[in-house]
């Protein structure tokens, strides 16, 4: 038998009610302008953090920490050094809706950066160190923050106008205490430049002092092997209150492409050294949120680290 007309009307009415209710739930779940999505909603900073995202943290952190601690406390099988970054896992996975993806060249892949509004206070300040002739990352971050780009080897005629157009402050400075281990005049990044050009080197804290900055929100550096001395001589030695909220960097291990990285800079920087570095960063509160091994050089990888849980700083 076929349903009666009355039954058909009843079914249609129920269908309309169900669809209306579903639409209302969807509308109510959309954050209003300026409202933090419910996944990150906090009435006050929590320690330790709790909630959906934090369960992701805790599970990933436990596995990542055990792997890293084991790898950093013992000599590795030589075969492991085929991938010196194998023991460094993403410990704090972030949902895509809370990140901005920044694509750069040179095989680095996409960087998934946490959106500044979720980790920055009233003042958001970014340093981009070692930019060469590209300010893709810095230009993107300038949409959200005040940005200073630095590189004493950059072609001024290219970077200067591009930085000005993007609203990025540019300084022709290199970060480092001295020109050590590699003659910068022989670097591929300085070929074709005037012999009279002066290459200015300053320490990170010295630069912050010159620019009148007390704190950094994001410190990004791509300095072709010099990152090891930056970590050991400056970042790992900084007062905890001055440590950047986010570190974005390219790390080179022993065996990196010699066309870009002086072998002396990465001598002895094997998988064990990589793991020990990340264990020290872990102790300072940093967690890896993005990792990309360079497509053209497996001894080089890009990382994004956030300090002290992104969710713990959100009110």
Protein backbone atom coordinates (compact mmCIF):
# COMPACT_ATOMS: atom_id res chain seq x y z
CA UNK A 1 0.00 0.00 0.00
CA UNK A 2 1.11 3.61 -0.59
CA UNK A 3 1.44 6.19 2.24
CA UNK A 4 -1.60 8.35 2.72
CA UNK A 5 -1.54 12.05 1.91
CA UNK A 6 -1.67 12.85 5.65
CA UNK A 7 1.38 10.67 6.29
CA UNK A 8 3.26 12.32 3.44
CA UNK A 9 2.57 15.74 4.95
CA UNK A 10 3.79 14.52 8.36
CA UNK A 11 7.03 13.18 6.85
CA UNK A 12 7.59 16.45 4.99
CA UNK A 13 7.03 18.48 8.16
CA UNK A 14 9.53 16.35 10.12
CA UNK A 15 12.11 16.71 7.34
CA UNK A 16 11.76 20.51 7.37
CA UNK A 17 12.17 20.57 11.16
CA UNK A 18 15.32 18.41 11.02
CA UNK A 19 16.90 20.51 8.27
CA UNK A 20 16.03 23.77 10.08
CA UNK A 21 17.55 22.49 13.32
CA UNK A 22 20.75 21.35 11.57
CA UNK A 23 21.13 24.74 9.85
CA UNK A 24 20.64 26.54 13.18
CA UNK A 25 23.39 24.43 14.81
CA UNK A 26 25.80 25.21 11.97
CA UNK A 27 25.10 28.95 12.22
CA UNK A 28 25.58 28.97 15.98
CA UNK A 29 28.90 27.13 15.68
CA UNK A 30 30.43 29.76 13.37
CA UNK A 31 32.62 32.17 15.40
CA UNK A 32 31.54 35.81 15.29
CA UNK A 33 34.04 38.45 14.18
CA UNK A 34 36.85 38.70 16.71
CA UNK A 35 35.64 35.62 18.60
CA UNK A 36 38.14 32.83 19.35
CA UNK A 37 36.85 29.44 18.12
CA UNK A 38 35.56 27.21 20.90
CA UNK A 39 38.46 24.77 20.55
CA UNK A 40 40.76 27.48 21.91
CA UNK A 41 38.29 29.29 24.18
CA UNK A 42 39.81 30.07 27.58
CA UNK A 43 38.59 32.21 30.48
CA UNK A 44 42.14 32.27 31.86
CA UNK A 45 45.48 30.65 31.03
CA UNK A 46 45.50 27.03 32.19
CA UNK A 47 48.49 25.00 33.33
CA UNK A 48 48.57 22.26 32.35
CA UNK A 49 46.23 23.03 29.45
CA UNK A 50 43.14 20.91 28.93
CA UNK A 51 40.67 20.19 26.15
CA UNK A 52 40.50 18.66 22.70
CA UNK A 53 43.71 20.17 21.35
CA UNK A 54 45.58 19.42 24.54
CA UNK A 55 44.73 15.73 24.32
CA UNK A 56 46.43 15.83 20.92
CA UNK A 57 49.42 17.50 22.58
CA UNK A 58 49.69 15.04 25.42
CA UNK A 59 49.49 11.95 23.21
CA UNK A 60 51.94 13.28 20.62
CA UNK A 61 54.24 14.73 23.27
CA UNK A 62 54.59 11.49 25.18
CA UNK A 63 55.61 9.56 22.09
CA UNK A 64 57.85 12.33 20.76
CA UNK A 65 59.63 12.92 24.06
CA UNK A 66 60.42 9.25 24.67
CA UNK A 67 61.80 8.85 21.14
CA UNK A 68 63.85 12.05 21.38
CA UNK A 69 65.18 11.34 24.88
CA UNK A 70 66.32 7.85 23.92
CA UNK A 71 67.93 9.05 20.69
CA UNK A 72 69.68 11.96 22.42
CA UNK A 73 71.14 9.92 25.27
CA UNK A 74 72.88 7.18 23.32
CA UNK A 75 75.07 6.71 20.27
CA UNK A 76 72.95 6.08 17.22
CA UNK A 77 73.32 3.28 14.72
CA UNK A 78 75.33 4.87 11.86
CA UNK A 79 72.53 4.00 9.44
CA UNK A 80 70.19 6.31 11.36
CA UNK A 81 72.29 9.24 10.24
CA UNK A 82 70.91 8.69 6.75
CA UNK A 83 68.04 10.65 8.28
CA UNK A 84 69.47 12.79 11.10
CA UNK A 85 66.00 14.20 11.80
CA UNK A 86 64.24 10.84 12.22
CA UNK A 87 63.76 11.18 15.99
CA UNK A 88 62.31 14.70 15.80
CA UNK A 89 58.56 14.35 15.46
CA UNK A 90 55.71 16.84 15.44
CA UNK A 91 54.84 16.97 19.13
CA UNK A 92 52.09 19.60 19.04
CA UNK A 93 49.89 19.07 15.97
CA UNK A 94 47.79 22.09 15.10
CA UNK A 95 44.47 21.91 13.21
CA UNK A 96 44.72 23.66 9.85
CA UNK A 97 42.13 26.27 10.75
CA UNK A 98 44.54 27.70 13.32
CA UNK A 99 47.51 27.96 10.96
CA UNK A 100 48.65 29.89 7.92
CA UNK A 101 50.60 27.99 5.25
CA UNK A 102 53.58 29.83 3.78
CA UNK A 103 55.19 28.39 0.66
CA UNK A 104 58.80 29.19 -0.11
CA UNK A 105 61.31 28.13 -2.72
CA UNK A 106 64.53 26.07 -2.54
CA UNK A 107 62.84 22.77 -1.74
CA UNK A 108 61.81 23.73 1.79
CA UNK A 109 58.16 22.86 1.26
CA UNK A 110 55.29 24.55 3.08
CA UNK A 111 55.67 26.00 6.55
CA UNK A 112 52.56 25.73 8.70
CA UNK A 113 52.71 28.74 11.00
CA UNK A 114 50.27 29.22 13.89
CA UNK A 115 48.18 32.30 13.25
CA UNK A 116 49.69 35.18 15.24
CA UNK A 117 46.41 36.06 16.96
CA UNK A 118 46.66 32.76 18.85
CA UNK A 119 50.17 33.22 20.22
CA UNK A 120 50.97 36.94 20.17
CA UNK A 121 50.12 39.57 22.70
CA UNK A 122 49.38 43.18 21.91
CA UNK A 123 52.78 43.55 20.24
CA UNK A 124 53.75 41.03 17.57
CA UNK A 125 57.35 41.28 16.39
CA UNK A 126 59.08 39.06 13.82
CA UNK A 127 62.78 38.88 12.93
CA UNK A 128 63.62 37.23 9.60
CA UNK A 129 67.35 36.46 9.50
CA UNK A 130 69.18 35.22 6.40
CA UNK A 131 66.70 36.11 3.68
CA UNK A 132 69.06 36.17 0.67
CA UNK A 133 66.91 37.57 -2.16
CA UNK A 134 63.50 36.33 -0.94
CA UNK A 135 61.12 37.88 1.58
CA UNK A 136 58.16 35.56 0.96
CA UNK A 137 57.88 34.53 4.61
CA UNK A 138 58.49 38.04 5.90
CA UNK A 139 55.93 39.57 3.53
CA UNK A 140 53.29 37.07 4.63
CA UNK A 141 53.99 37.69 8.31
CA UNK A 142 53.82 41.46 7.73
CA UNK A 143 50.06 41.00 7.30
CA UNK A 144 49.88 40.23 11.03
CA UNK A 145 52.99 41.61 12.72
CA UNK A 146 55.78 44.15 12.66
CA UNK A 147 58.63 42.51 10.70
CA UNK A 148 62.36 43.20 10.46
CA UNK A 149 64.29 41.31 7.76
CA UNK A 150 68.08 41.05 7.92
CA UNK A 151 70.89 39.80 5.69
CA UNK A 152 74.24 41.42 5.01
CA UNK A 153 74.58 39.48 1.74
CA UNK A 154 71.21 40.39 0.18
CA UNK A 155 71.23 42.21 -3.17
CA UNK A 156 70.08 45.63 -2.00
CA UNK A 157 68.60 46.61 -5.36
CA UNK A 158 66.24 43.60 -5.19
CA UNK A 159 65.39 43.25 -1.51
CA UNK A 160 65.15 46.95 -0.65
CA UNK A 161 62.18 47.82 -2.91
CA UNK A 162 60.45 44.48 -2.25
CA UNK A 163 60.69 44.96 1.51
CA UNK A 164 59.40 48.52 1.32
CA UNK A 165 56.43 47.43 -0.80
CA UNK A 166 55.56 44.66 1.69
CA UNK A 167 55.87 46.92 4.73
CA UNK A 168 58.93 45.04 5.98
CA UNK A 169 61.83 46.90 7.60
CA UNK A 170 65.15 45.73 6.11
CA UNK A 171 68.59 45.89 7.69
CA UNK A 172 71.76 44.80 5.81
CA UNK A 173 73.07 42.90 8.83
CA UNK A 174 74.18 39.33 9.44
CA UNK A 175 73.65 37.70 12.82
CA UNK A 176 76.81 36.34 14.36
CA UNK A 177 79.65 37.44 16.55
CA UNK A 178 82.31 37.11 13.90
CA UNK A 179 83.09 35.88 10.39
CA UNK A 180 84.29 32.49 11.51
CA UNK A 181 84.82 29.15 9.78
CA UNK A 182 83.86 30.45 6.36
CA UNK A 183 85.19 33.38 4.43
CA UNK A 184 82.05 35.31 3.58
CA UNK A 185 83.82 36.87 0.62
CA UNK A 186 83.92 33.38 -0.95
CA UNK A 187 80.28 32.58 -0.26
CA UNK A 188 77.97 31.92 -3.21
CA UNK A 189 75.64 34.54 -1.75
CA UNK A 190 78.19 37.32 -2.18
CA UNK A 191 79.39 36.54 -5.69
CA UNK A 192 79.12 39.46 -8.06
CA UNK A 193 78.86 42.03 -5.30
CA UNK A 194 81.14 45.02 -4.97
CA UNK A 195 84.53 44.33 -3.42
CA UNK A 196 84.04 47.48 -1.35
CA UNK A 197 80.88 46.19 0.33
CA UNK A 198 81.15 45.94 4.10
CA UNK A 199 79.49 42.96 5.78
CA UNK A 200 78.18 43.88 9.22
CA UNK A 201 77.87 41.18 11.88
CA UNK A 202 76.04 41.60 15.19
CA UNK A 203 74.86 39.25 17.92
CA UNK A 204 71.12 38.68 18.28
CA UNK A 205 70.85 40.46 21.62
CA UNK A 206 73.03 43.25 20.24
CA UNK A 207 70.58 43.70 17.36
CA UNK A 208 67.61 43.74 19.73
CA UNK A 209 69.37 46.45 21.69
CA UNK A 210 70.14 48.49 18.56
CA UNK A 211 66.48 48.34 17.52
CA UNK A 212 65.10 48.92 21.02
CA UNK A 213 63.31 45.55 21.26
CA UNK A 214 62.96 43.70 24.56
CA UNK A 215 61.12 40.61 23.28
CA UNK A 216 60.55 38.70 20.05
CA UNK A 217 57.38 36.91 19.04
CA UNK A 218 58.85 35.01 16.07
CA UNK A 219 62.51 34.39 15.29
CA UNK A 220 63.02 32.97 11.82
CA UNK A 221 66.49 32.14 10.53
CA UNK A 222 67.90 30.42 7.46
CA UNK A 223 71.65 30.97 7.74
CA UNK A 224 73.27 27.96 6.06
CA UNK A 225 74.99 26.21 8.94
CA UNK A 226 75.54 29.25 11.15
CA UNK A 227 72.35 28.29 13.01
CA UNK A 228 74.37 25.96 15.27
CA UNK A 229 76.40 28.81 16.73
CA UNK A 230 73.27 30.97 16.98
CA UNK A 231 71.63 28.26 19.07
CA UNK A 232 74.65 27.51 21.24
CA UNK A 233 75.92 31.05 21.79
CA UNK A 234 72.66 32.99 21.96
CA UNK A 235 69.28 31.25 21.96
CA UNK A 236 70.10 28.51 24.47
CA UNK A 237 71.80 31.11 26.68
CA UNK A 238 68.96 33.67 26.71
CA UNK A 239 66.94 34.50 29.80
CA UNK A 240 63.71 32.53 29.66
CA UNK A 241 61.60 35.70 29.70
CA UNK A 242 63.25 36.87 26.46
CA UNK A 243 62.96 33.63 24.50
CA UNK A 244 60.85 34.00 21.32
CA UNK A 245 57.37 32.48 21.39
CA UNK A 246 58.00 30.82 18.02
CA UNK A 247 61.18 29.58 16.34
CA UNK A 248 61.20 29.04 12.56
CA UNK A 249 64.47 27.74 11.20
CA UNK A 250 66.37 25.61 8.73
CA UNK A 251 68.73 23.12 10.35
CA UNK A 252 71.70 21.61 8.52
CA UNK A 253 73.33 18.36 9.59
CA UNK A 254 76.71 16.94 8.66
CA UNK A 255 76.78 16.12 4.96
CA UNK A 256 74.58 19.05 3.88
CA UNK A 257 75.03 20.33 0.33
CA UNK A 258 78.47 21.97 0.23
CA UNK A 259 77.35 24.44 -2.42
CA UNK A 260 75.29 26.19 0.23
CA UNK A 261 76.81 25.16 3.56
CA UNK A 262 80.50 25.18 4.48
CA UNK A 263 81.40 21.62 5.63
CA UNK A 264 83.34 23.07 8.58
CA UNK A 265 80.14 24.59 9.95
CA UNK A 266 78.35 21.25 10.23
CA UNK A 267 81.24 18.93 11.01
CA UNK A 268 80.13 16.57 13.77
CA UNK A 269 76.53 17.79 13.58
CA UNK A 270 75.11 14.30 13.11
CA UNK A 271 71.81 12.76 14.17
CA UNK A 272 72.94 12.56 17.78
CA UNK A 273 73.80 16.29 17.81
CA UNK A 274 70.41 17.09 16.25
CA UNK A 275 68.56 15.11 18.92
CA UNK A 276 70.55 16.66 21.75
CA UNK A 277 69.74 20.15 20.40
CA UNK A 278 66.02 19.40 20.25
CA UNK A 279 66.10 17.88 23.73
CA UNK A 280 67.58 21.15 25.05
CA UNK A 281 64.87 23.10 23.21
CA UNK A 282 62.27 20.76 24.71
CA UNK A 283 63.63 21.63 28.15
CA UNK A 284 63.05 25.32 27.37
CA UNK A 285 59.40 24.57 26.58
CA UNK A 286 59.57 24.37 22.77
CA UNK A 287 57.44 21.85 20.87
CA UNK A 288 57.68 21.05 17.15
CA UNK A 289 54.55 21.91 15.18
CA UNK A 290 55.94 21.63 11.65
CA UNK A 291 58.77 19.61 10.08
CA UNK A 292 59.81 19.44 6.44
CA UNK A 293 62.91 17.62 5.21
CA UNK A 294 64.34 19.46 2.21
CA UNK A 295 63.44 17.72 -1.04
CA UNK A 296 66.85 18.39 -2.58
CA UNK A 297 69.01 17.82 0.52
CA UNK A 298 68.00 15.15 3.09
CA UNK A 299 70.54 16.55 5.57
CA UNK A 300 68.59 19.81 5.75
CA UNK A 301 65.15 20.34 7.28
CA UNK A 302 62.79 23.19 8.15
CA UNK A 303 61.12 23.36 11.56
CA UNK A 304 58.54 25.48 13.37
CA UNK A 305 58.55 25.31 17.17
CA UNK A 306 56.15 26.92 19.66
CA UNK A 307 57.11 27.56 23.27
CA UNK A 308 54.96 26.50 26.27
CA UNK A 309 51.92 25.27 24.38
CA UNK A 310 50.05 27.64 22.13
CA UNK A 311 46.79 27.01 23.99
CA UNK A 312 48.20 27.89 27.40
CA UNK A 313 48.68 31.51 26.35
CA UNK A 314 45.13 32.04 25.09
CA UNK A 315 42.59 33.74 27.29
